[in-house]
Amino acid sequence: MPASPHDPGHGQGQTDPWAQRLWALYEVGQAISASMDPDQLMGLVVEKACTLLEVERAGLFLAEPEPGGGLALQCLRARGLPEGSFRTLRLGPRESIGGLAIAEGQTLWTSDLLADTRFALTDATRALMAANNIRAILAAPLIVGGRAIGVIAAYRDAGAGFTPEEADLLSAFALQVGIAVENARLLAASQKSLYQIRALFEVSKALASSLDTETALDLIVHKASELMGVSHCILWSRAADASEAEGVRPRAQAGFDPGALAGLSILPGVGMVGRVMRERTPALTSDLLADPSLSLPPALAALAGSAGIGAMLGVPVETGESFVGVLAIYGPRGSTFAEDEVTLLWSFADMAAIALENARLVAADREKGQLEAMLALARAAADRILNPVNVMTLNAQLLAQDLPAEHPGRRRIDPILECGLRIQRIVGQMNRITRYQAREFSPGLFALELDQAAEADRPEVNPAETD
């Protein structure tokens, strides 16, 4: 294949090593720009860093500030390093060359980190570097928009060191990497947001359809766990007729053995779910079993242990001013939840509140229809009963008037007349009840009033007097 006219070796009898590196830097930039898959990009960055600097070990880290001026360096990808040890390094501003490069915004290097007085290494950091024979380090910050978002570092054994030319090369490479990493991060965030919007739309569409309540709640907990990258989720809800002092029970779940949740109930203030109930605010913990502020009942502790979960994030489920439950997701012990995840879970909690409120309204509408049917029945019964009772009562009154008080027949007519008058009063009460609107009645009110009315007006007939 003929050489490119831009190839540093084209038309020359011999190749300049640094020209080759610069050309490799150009090719690396082209390859990085073409890769937007975050995982593929991280691997490519570390591989090309090793190629450019002719080293066997390199690492790519993102930086997150911590209270007190410290940094948490998250290892995105490493080569020749134990990623487990380097996955998350929590360092002070001068505890490492990478942290100092980020703080000062410039490329730094050292030929022996352990002997360099610029760095106040902790015993743990010093032991980590010594165990991996890391002495010479070259670190270049990833600058995007005037701020350092991370660092790329190359490592050599003691005595090897790095040159200013290599520092310039890694600095130029870091500029390309920073832009590529930020673009990939933004793309991933956009794709994640789009996926979240689609999932929320899917749940909203299901709620608007004729989907029954339990199916809708099941969809909510499964979508919440899927979207938030956890294996377990529970919607804890309170019974419709329960007071706020009563507990919540599992209404829908994802990831758990249904049998393990049977009979569970959580009271306000008990555990993390109870804290959400009591305070009506989101609550989270990285370890349910080890959190000193929590007191878990044995059943809940056993559930967490058997399911292999420890971290939990819970948000209240509310309809208006009324608390109806808690939506909680669970992850492995030590997991953390970001602020945007709290917001997302709250969106699912709002969906659950809508589903529960819809179920309540449907039940209320069904109850209202039943009550209205009862009123219509009472009205019809009153109309059908009243006419024959009036005839019976009138005839009894006429017979009573025709017979002397001492006549034996009066002993039979008087109870009939008394029963007729009482039936008339009961029918009058039935007519008064039918004038109320069904919405003014609470469950059981009809039966209670009619029973009381019938009890109060029931004639006491002596069987011996009716013979």
Protein backbone atom coordinates (compact mmCIF):
# COMPACT_ATOMS: atom_id res chain seq x y z
CA MET A 1 0.00 0.00 0.00
CA PRO A 2 1.50 3.41 -0.94
CA ALA A 3 2.26 5.74 1.92
CA SER A 4 -0.03 8.67 2.60
CA PRO A 5 1.45 12.05 1.62
CA HIS A 6 0.78 13.04 5.24
CA ASP A 7 2.61 10.01 6.60
CA PRO A 8 5.73 11.18 8.53
CA GLY A 9 7.81 8.48 6.78
CA HIS A 10 6.65 9.34 3.27
CA GLY A 11 9.52 10.39 0.99
CA GLN A 12 12.15 9.92 3.71
CA GLY A 13 14.90 7.39 3.88
CA GLN A 14 14.47 7.05 7.61
CA THR A 15 11.63 7.60 10.06
CA ASP A 16 11.72 10.15 12.89
CA PRO A 17 10.48 8.33 16.05
CA TRP A 18 8.75 11.45 17.36
CA ALA A 19 7.13 12.09 14.01
CA GLN A 20 5.81 8.56 14.19
CA ARG A 21 4.40 9.25 17.64
CA LEU A 22 2.75 12.45 16.45
CA TRP A 23 1.27 10.60 13.52
CA ALA A 24 0.08 7.91 15.91
CA LEU A 25 -1.46 10.69 18.05
CA TYR A 26 -3.36 11.93 15.01
CA GLU A 27 -4.61 8.42 14.24
CA VAL A 28 -5.60 7.93 17.86
CA GLY A 29 -7.57 11.16 17.77
CA GLN A 30 -9.38 10.00 14.66
CA ALA A 31 -10.19 6.64 16.22
CA ILE A 32 -11.40 8.21 19.48
CA SER A 33 -13.58 10.71 17.64
CA ALA A 34 -15.23 7.87 15.73
CA SER A 35 -16.05 5.88 18.89
CA MET A 36 -19.04 7.03 20.94
CA ASP A 37 -19.67 3.79 22.83
CA PRO A 38 -18.41 4.63 26.36
CA ASP A 39 -17.10 1.17 27.18
CA GLN A 40 -15.31 0.80 23.86
CA LEU A 41 -13.95 4.32 24.14
CA MET A 42 -12.41 3.78 27.60
CA GLY A 43 -10.64 0.64 26.47
CA LEU A 44 -9.35 2.35 23.35
CA VAL A 45 -8.02 5.32 25.33
CA VAL A 46 -5.98 3.20 27.73
CA GLU A 47 -4.69 0.95 24.95
CA LYS A 48 -3.56 3.91 22.82
CA ALA A 49 -1.96 5.65 25.82
CA CYS A 50 0.21 2.59 26.36
CA THR A 51 1.09 2.53 22.65
CA LEU A 52 1.97 6.21 22.47
CA LEU A 53 4.22 6.19 25.54
CA GLU A 54 5.52 2.63 25.08
CA VAL A 55 4.44 1.61 28.57
CA GLU A 56 2.71 -1.49 29.88
CA ARG A 57 0.52 0.21 32.48
CA ALA A 58 -1.96 3.08 32.26
CA GLY A 59 -5.24 4.15 33.82
CA LEU A 60 -8.15 6.48 33.03
CA PHE A 61 -9.87 8.11 36.01
CA LEU A 62 -12.86 10.43 36.47
CA ALA A 63 -12.75 12.86 39.38
CA GLU A 64 -15.53 13.75 41.83
CA PRO A 65 -14.90 16.41 44.49
CA GLU A 66 -15.44 15.42 48.10
CA PRO A 67 -16.00 17.50 51.25
CA GLY A 68 -12.83 19.02 52.66
CA GLY A 69 -11.15 19.49 49.28
CA GLY A 70 -10.57 15.80 48.61
CA LEU A 71 -11.12 13.88 45.40
CA ALA A 72 -12.67 10.53 44.58
CA LEU A 73 -10.91 9.13 41.53
CA GLN A 74 -13.08 6.52 39.82
CA CYS A 75 -11.11 4.14 37.62
CA LEU A 76 -12.95 3.87 34.32
CA ARG A 77 -10.44 1.53 32.73
CA ALA A 78 -6.92 0.33 33.50
CA ARG A 79 -4.26 -1.78 31.85
CA GLY A 80 -1.58 -3.59 33.80
CA LEU A 81 -3.18 -2.51 37.11
CA PRO A 82 -5.46 -4.42 39.49
CA GLU A 83 -8.74 -2.58 38.79
CA GLY A 84 -10.21 -3.79 42.08
CA SER A 85 -7.59 -1.87 44.06
CA PHE A 86 -7.77 1.20 41.85
CA ARG A 87 -11.53 1.22 41.20
CA THR A 88 -12.22 4.07 43.61
CA LEU A 89 -9.34 5.99 45.15
CA ARG A 90 -10.33 8.57 47.75
CA LEU A 91 -7.45 11.01 47.91
CA GLY A 92 -6.68 14.38 49.41
CA PRO A 93 -5.62 17.24 47.10
CA ARG A 94 -1.91 16.39 47.53
CA GLU A 95 -2.13 12.68 48.16
CA SER A 96 -1.30 11.67 44.60
CA ILE A 97 0.17 13.05 41.42
CA GLY A 98 -3.17 12.54 39.68
CA GLY A 99 -5.01 14.59 42.29
CA LEU A 100 -2.40 17.36 42.08
CA ALA A 101 -2.51 17.37 38.26
CA ILE A 102 -6.30 17.84 38.46
CA ALA A 103 -6.04 20.53 41.15
CA GLU A 104 -3.41 22.52 39.20
CA GLY A 105 -4.83 21.74 35.75
CA GLN A 106 -1.47 20.76 34.26
CA THR A 107 0.51 17.66 33.38
CA LEU A 108 2.88 16.47 36.11
CA TRP A 109 5.34 13.63 36.40
CA THR A 110 7.67 12.09 38.94
CA SER A 111 10.44 9.53 38.68
CA ASP A 112 9.74 8.14 42.17
CA LEU A 113 6.37 8.84 43.77
CA LEU A 114 7.32 7.24 47.07
CA ALA A 115 10.34 9.54 47.48
CA ASP A 116 8.80 12.72 46.03
CA THR A 117 8.28 15.28 48.80
CA ARG A 118 5.53 17.07 46.87
CA PHE A 119 3.09 14.37 47.86
CA ALA A 120 1.86 13.55 51.38
CA LEU A 121 0.93 9.93 50.81
CA THR A 122 -1.14 8.12 53.39
CA ASP A 123 0.09 4.74 54.58
CA ALA A 124 -2.68 3.03 52.58
CA THR A 125 -1.78 4.85 49.35
CA ARG A 126 1.93 4.25 49.86
CA ALA A 127 1.30 0.54 50.47
CA LEU A 128 -0.89 0.30 47.33
CA MET A 129 1.77 1.91 45.12
CA ALA A 130 4.58 -0.17 46.60
CA ALA A 131 2.61 -3.40 46.22
CA ASN A 132 2.14 -2.71 42.51
CA ASN A 133 5.70 -1.43 42.01
CA ILE A 134 4.44 1.97 40.90
CA ARG A 135 7.18 4.58 41.21
CA ALA A 136 7.43 6.66 38.03
CA ILE A 137 4.09 8.31 37.04
CA LEU A 138 3.07 10.71 34.30
CA ALA A 139 -0.40 12.25 34.82
CA ALA A 140 -2.27 14.60 32.48
CA PRO A 141 -5.62 16.18 33.44
CA LEU A 142 -8.65 15.85 31.17
CA ILE A 143 -9.70 19.47 30.61
CA VAL A 144 -13.20 20.22 29.32
CA GLY A 145 -14.65 23.70 29.32
CA GLY A 146 -11.87 25.02 31.53
CA ARG A 147 -12.32 22.41 34.27
CA ALA A 148 -10.59 19.12 34.94
CA ILE A 149 -12.99 16.16 34.84
CA GLY A 150 -10.40 13.45 35.34
CA VAL A 151 -6.89 12.31 34.65
CA ILE A 152 -5.04 9.85 32.44
CA ALA A 153 -1.91 8.37 33.95
CA ALA A 154 0.95 6.20 32.69
CA TYR A 155 3.21 4.15 34.99
CA ARG A 156 6.76 2.82 34.90
CA ASP A 157 8.99 1.04 37.35
CA ALA A 158 11.47 2.90 39.53
CA GLY A 159 14.36 4.45 37.62
CA ALA A 160 12.60 4.54 34.26
CA GLY A 161 11.02 7.97 34.50
CA PHE A 162 9.39 10.17 31.81
CA THR A 163 10.68 12.99 29.62
CA PRO A 164 9.23 16.48 28.97
CA GLU A 165 8.52 15.40 25.39
CA GLU A 166 6.45 12.48 26.64
CA ALA A 167 4.63 14.84 28.97
CA ASP A 168 3.75 17.08 26.00
CA LEU A 169 2.57 14.06 24.05
CA LEU A 170 0.29 12.84 26.85
CA SER A 171 -1.01 16.41 27.36
CA ALA A 172 -2.04 16.60 23.71
CA PHE A 173 -3.59 13.15 23.97
CA ALA A 174 -5.47 14.15 27.15
CA LEU A 175 -7.08 17.11 25.35
CA GLN A 176 -8.56 14.73 22.79
CA VAL A 177 -9.55 12.21 25.45
CA GLY A 178 -11.28 14.81 27.62
CA ILE A 179 -13.50 15.98 24.77
CA ALA A 180 -14.25 12.41 23.68
CA VAL A 181 -15.06 11.24 27.22
CA GLU A 182 -17.33 14.24 27.84
CA ASN A 183 -19.11 13.71 24.52
CA ALA A 184 -19.59 10.03 25.27
CA ARG A 185 -20.85 10.90 28.76
CA LEU A 186 -23.33 13.41 27.36
CA LEU A 187 -24.51 10.92 24.76
CA ALA A 188 -24.94 8.22 27.38
CA ALA A 189 -26.84 10.67 29.60
CA SER A 190 -29.09 11.63 26.69
CA GLN A 191 -29.75 8.00 25.83
CA LYS A 192 -30.47 7.23 29.47
CA SER A 193 -32.88 10.18 29.70
CA LEU A 194 -34.62 9.06 26.52
CA TYR A 195 -34.93 5.53 27.88
CA GLN A 196 -36.33 6.89 31.14
CA ILE A 197 -38.86 9.05 29.29
CA ARG A 198 -39.97 6.06 27.21
CA ALA A 199 -40.35 3.91 30.31
CA LEU A 200 -42.36 6.58 32.14
CA PHE A 201 -44.51 7.07 29.05
CA GLU A 202 -45.12 3.33 28.86
CA VAL A 203 -46.29 3.28 32.48
CA SER A 204 -48.43 6.41 31.96
CA LYS A 205 -50.02 4.82 28.90
CA ALA A 206 -50.77 1.67 30.87
CA LEU A 207 -52.38 3.72 33.66
CA ALA A 208 -54.59 5.49 31.12
CA SER A 209 -55.75 2.18 29.63
CA SER A 210 -58.17 -0.30 31.11
CA LEU A 211 -55.31 -2.05 32.92
CA ASP A 212 -56.36 -3.31 36.34
CA THR A 213 -54.68 -1.85 39.40
CA GLU A 214 -52.54 -4.85 40.36
CA THR A 215 -51.17 -5.22 36.82
CA ALA A 216 -50.35 -1.49 36.72
CA LEU A 217 -48.55 -1.62 40.07
CA ASP A 218 -46.62 -4.71 38.96
CA LEU A 219 -45.51 -2.84 35.82
CA ILE A 220 -44.39 0.13 37.94
CA VAL A 221 -42.14 -1.85 40.30
CA HIS A 222 -40.58 -3.85 37.44
CA LYS A 223 -39.92 -0.74 35.33
CA ALA A 224 -38.48 1.10 38.34
CA SER A 225 -36.05 -1.71 39.17
CA GLU A 226 -35.08 -2.16 35.51
CA LEU A 227 -34.56 1.53 34.82
CA MET A 228 -32.59 2.16 38.01
CA GLY A 229 -30.35 -0.84 37.58
CA VAL A 230 -31.37 -2.70 40.74
CA SER A 231 -32.71 -6.20 41.20
CA HIS A 232 -35.35 -5.60 43.87
CA CYS A 233 -38.25 -3.18 44.34
CA ILE A 234 -41.30 -3.12 46.65
CA LEU A 235 -44.37 -0.91 46.75
CA TRP A 236 -45.40 -0.84 50.40
CA SER A 237 -48.98 0.40 50.78
CA ARG A 238 -51.45 1.01 53.55
CA ALA A 239 -54.94 -0.46 53.48
CA ALA A 240 -57.59 2.03 52.31
CA ASP A 241 -59.40 2.00 55.65
CA ALA A 242 -56.24 1.98 57.83
CA SER A 243 -55.11 4.90 59.95
CA GLU A 244 -51.71 6.57 59.57
CA ALA A 245 -50.54 4.87 62.76
CA GLU A 246 -51.01 1.46 61.15
CA GLY A 247 -48.34 -0.24 59.09
CA VAL A 248 -47.76 -0.80 55.40
CA ARG A 249 -47.63 -4.14 53.61
CA PRO A 250 -46.11 -5.24 50.29
CA ARG A 251 -48.60 -4.51 47.49
CA ALA A 252 -46.36 -5.17 44.49
CA GLN A 253 -42.75 -6.36 44.18
CA ALA A 254 -39.96 -7.23 41.75
CA GLY A 255 -37.07 -9.59 42.43
CA PHE A 256 -38.26 -11.11 45.72
CA ASP A 257 -39.69 -14.53 46.44
CA PRO A 258 -43.40 -13.74 46.96
CA GLY A 259 -43.56 -16.23 49.80
CA ALA A 260 -40.82 -14.36 51.67
CA LEU A 261 -42.98 -11.22 51.79
CA ALA A 262 -46.15 -12.89 53.06
CA GLY A 263 -47.30 -11.47 56.37
CA LEU A 264 -44.71 -8.67 56.49
CA SER A 265 -45.82 -5.34 57.91
CA ILE A 266 -43.82 -2.23 58.81
CA LEU A 267 -44.95 0.36 61.34
CA PRO A 268 -44.06 4.08 61.20
CA GLY A 269 -40.52 4.71 62.43
CA VAL A 270 -39.38 1.09 62.02
CA GLY A 271 -36.47 0.66 59.62
CA MET A 272 -35.89 2.78 56.54
CA VAL A 273 -39.43 2.30 55.19
CA GLY A 274 -40.84 3.33 58.56
CA ARG A 275 -38.65 6.44 58.49
CA VAL A 276 -40.09 7.45 55.12
CA MET A 277 -43.60 6.88 56.52
CA ARG A 278 -42.93 9.03 59.56
CA GLU A 279 -41.01 11.87 57.92
CA ARG A 280 -42.72 11.89 54.49
CA THR A 281 -39.36 12.49 52.78
CA PRO A 282 -36.98 10.27 50.78
CA ALA A 283 -34.50 8.22 52.80
CA LEU A 284 -31.56 6.07 51.78
CA THR A 285 -28.83 3.92 53.22
CA SER A 286 -25.92 1.99 51.75
CA ASP A 287 -26.32 -0.84 54.27
CA LEU A 288 -29.59 -1.68 56.01
CA LEU A 289 -27.94 -4.26 58.24
CA ALA A 290 -25.02 -2.11 59.43
CA ASP A 291 -26.65 1.33 59.61
CA PRO A 292 -26.51 2.32 63.31
CA SER A 293 -29.49 4.65 62.93
CA LEU A 294 -31.80 1.78 61.97
CA SER A 295 -33.41 -0.94 64.01
CA LEU A 296 -34.66 -3.72 61.76
CA PRO A 297 -37.08 -6.38 63.01
CA PRO A 298 -35.66 -9.92 62.67
CA ALA A 299 -38.01 -10.73 59.77
CA LEU A 300 -36.79 -7.76 57.72
CA ALA A 301 -33.14 -8.43 58.56
CA ALA A 302 -33.58 -12.05 57.46
CA LEU A 303 -35.23 -10.90 54.23
CA ALA A 304 -32.34 -8.54 53.44
CA GLY A 305 -29.80 -11.25 54.17
CA SER A 306 -31.50 -13.94 52.10
CA ALA A 307 -32.04 -11.60 49.12
CA GLY A 308 -28.44 -10.36 49.22
CA ILE A 309 -29.46 -6.72 49.51
CA GLY A 310 -28.29 -3.93 51.79
CA ALA A 311 -28.62 -0.57 50.07
CA MET A 312 -32.08 0.99 49.93
CA LEU A 313 -33.72 4.13 48.59
CA GLY A 314 -37.33 4.86 49.52
CA VAL A 315 -39.71 7.70 48.64
CA PRO A 316 -43.22 8.41 49.93
CA VAL A 317 -46.28 7.67 47.80
CA GLU A 318 -48.89 10.36 48.37
CA THR A 319 -52.21 11.40 46.90
CA GLY A 320 -52.72 15.07 47.68
CA GLU A 321 -52.09 15.41 51.42
CA SER A 322 -52.70 11.74 52.14
CA PHE A 323 -49.89 9.24 52.65
CA VAL A 324 -50.66 5.89 50.99
CA GLY A 325 -47.34 4.05 50.90
CA VAL A 326 -43.61 3.84 50.17
CA LEU A 327 -41.87 2.90 46.94
CA ALA A 328 -38.46 1.38 47.69
CA ILE A 329 -35.63 0.00 45.58
CA TYR A 330 -32.89 -2.26 46.94
CA GLY A 331 -29.33 -2.92 45.79
CA PRO A 332 -26.21 -4.74 46.97
CA ARG A 333 -24.60 -3.63 50.23
CA GLY A 334 -22.44 -0.55 49.74
CA SER A 335 -24.37 0.77 46.74
CA THR A 336 -25.16 4.47 46.61
CA PHE A 337 -27.92 6.45 44.92
CA ALA A 338 -27.49 9.78 43.13
CA GLU A 339 -29.83 12.77 43.38
CA ASP A 340 -31.23 12.19 39.90
CA GLU A 341 -32.12 8.63 40.92
CA VAL A 342 -34.15 9.99 43.84
CA THR A 343 -36.02 12.22 41.40
CA LEU A 344 -36.62 9.32 39.02
CA LEU A 345 -37.92 7.03 41.77
CA TRP A 346 -40.24 9.82 42.91
CA SER A 347 -41.67 9.91 39.38
CA PHE A 348 -42.51 6.22 39.67
CA ALA A 349 -43.99 6.88 43.13
CA ASP A 350 -46.28 9.49 41.58
CA MET A 351 -47.36 6.88 39.02
CA ALA A 352 -48.10 4.44 41.83
CA ALA A 353 -50.12 7.13 43.61
CA ILE A 354 -52.19 7.65 40.45
CA ALA A 355 -52.83 3.90 40.15
CA LEU A 356 -53.88 3.64 43.79
CA GLU A 357 -56.08 6.73 43.56
CA ASN A 358 -57.71 5.40 40.38
CA ALA A 359 -58.45 2.16 42.20
CA ARG A 360 -59.99 4.10 45.09
CA LEU A 361 -62.14 6.18 42.75
CA VAL A 362 -63.33 3.10 40.88
CA ALA A 363 -64.21 1.42 44.17
CA ALA A 364 -65.94 4.58 45.38
CA ASP A 365 -67.90 4.86 42.15
CA ARG A 366 -68.90 1.20 42.41
CA GLU A 367 -69.95 1.74 46.03
CA LYS A 368 -71.89 4.83 45.09
CA GLY A 369 -73.76 2.84 42.43
CA GLN A 370 -74.57 0.16 44.98
CA LEU A 371 -75.80 2.75 47.47
CA GLU A 372 -77.95 4.44 44.85
CA ALA A 373 -79.45 1.05 43.97
CA MET A 374 -80.19 0.50 47.66
CA LEU A 375 -81.91 3.89 47.82
CA ALA A 376 -84.03 3.05 44.78
CA LEU A 377 -84.95 -0.28 46.34
CA ALA A 378 -85.88 1.40 49.62
CA ARG A 379 -88.00 3.94 47.75
CA ALA A 380 -89.82 1.24 45.79
CA ALA A 381 -90.31 -0.88 48.91
CA ALA A 382 -91.70 2.08 50.83
CA ASP A 383 -94.20 2.83 48.07
CA ARG A 384 -95.32 -0.81 47.84
CA ILE A 385 -95.61 -1.28 51.59
CA LEU A 386 -97.33 1.98 52.47
CA ASN A 387 -100.66 1.51 50.62
CA PRO A 388 -101.63 -1.91 52.05
CA VAL A 389 -100.43 -0.83 55.51
CA ASN A 390 -102.62 2.29 55.30
CA VAL A 391 -105.64 0.15 54.35
CA MET A 392 -104.91 -2.30 57.17
CA THR A 393 -104.44 0.47 59.72
CA LEU A 394 -107.60 2.33 58.64
CA ASN A 395 -109.72 -0.82 58.89
CA ALA A 396 -108.27 -1.61 62.30
CA GLN A 397 -109.12 1.90 63.48
CA LEU A 398 -112.73 1.55 62.20
CA LEU A 399 -113.14 -1.82 63.90
CA ALA A 400 -111.76 -0.42 67.14
CA GLN A 401 -114.27 2.42 67.00
CA ASP A 402 -117.22 0.00 66.49
CA LEU A 403 -116.29 -2.26 69.39
CA PRO A 404 -116.61 -1.34 73.04
CA ALA A 405 -113.38 -1.17 75.00
CA GLU A 406 -114.33 -4.28 77.01
CA HIS A 407 -115.09 -6.35 73.92
CA PRO A 408 -112.76 -9.42 73.60
CA GLY A 409 -112.04 -8.57 69.95
CA ARG A 410 -110.30 -5.35 70.98
CA ARG A 411 -107.49 -7.45 72.45
CA ARG A 412 -106.71 -8.65 68.90
CA ILE A 413 -107.38 -5.39 67.06
CA ASP A 414 -105.20 -3.13 69.27
CA PRO A 415 -101.86 -4.99 68.50
CA ILE A 416 -102.72 -4.96 64.78
CA LEU A 417 -103.37 -1.24 64.95
CA GLU A 418 -100.13 -0.62 66.89
CA CYS A 419 -98.10 -2.67 64.35
CA GLY A 420 -99.63 -0.75 61.46
CA LEU A 421 -98.75 2.60 63.01
CA ARG A 422 -95.17 1.47 63.64
CA ILE A 423 -94.83 0.19 60.08
CA GLN A 424 -96.04 3.59 58.87
CA ARG A 425 -93.33 5.31 60.93
CA ILE A 426 -90.64 2.96 59.53
CA VAL A 427 -91.80 3.60 55.98
CA GLY A 428 -91.65 7.31 56.72
CA GLN A 429 -88.04 6.91 57.83
CA MET A 430 -87.30 4.95 54.64
CA ASN A 431 -88.74 7.79 52.59
CA ARG A 432 -86.63 10.35 54.44
CA ILE A 433 -83.46 8.30 53.85
CA THR A 434 -84.18 8.05 50.12
CA ARG A 435 -84.05 11.84 49.86
CA TYR A 436 -80.34 11.87 50.74
CA GLN A 437 -77.65 11.75 48.03
CA ALA A 438 -75.50 8.63 48.00
CA ARG A 439 -72.31 10.68 48.32
CA GLU A 440 -73.38 11.84 51.75
CA PHE A 441 -73.23 8.31 53.12
CA SER A 442 -70.21 6.39 54.29
CA PRO A 443 -69.94 2.61 53.95
CA GLY A 444 -72.38 0.82 56.26
CA LEU A 445 -74.44 3.91 57.13
CA PHE A 446 -77.60 2.69 55.40
CA ALA A 447 -77.71 -0.61 57.18
CA LEU A 448 -76.97 1.05 60.52
CA GLU A 449 -79.79 3.64 60.24
CA LEU A 450 -82.37 1.17 58.97
CA ASP A 451 -81.45 -1.37 61.61
CA GLN A 452 -81.72 1.26 64.34
CA ALA A 453 -85.04 2.50 62.99
CA ALA A 454 -86.47 -0.98 62.78
CA GLU A 455 -85.17 -1.84 66.25
CA ALA A 456 -86.68 1.30 67.79
CA ASP A 457 -90.08 0.83 66.18
CA ARG A 458 -90.46 -2.95 66.40
CA PRO A 459 -93.63 -3.79 68.35
CA GLU A 460 -93.26 -6.03 71.36
CA VAL A 461 -96.00 -8.61 70.95
CA ASN A 462 -96.78 -11.01 73.76
CA PRO A 463 -97.37 -14.42 72.13
CA ALA A 464 -99.89 -15.27 74.83
CA GLU A 465 -102.00 -12.25 73.87
CA THR A 466 -102.21 -13.24 70.21
CA ASP A 467 -103.67 -16.63 70.76
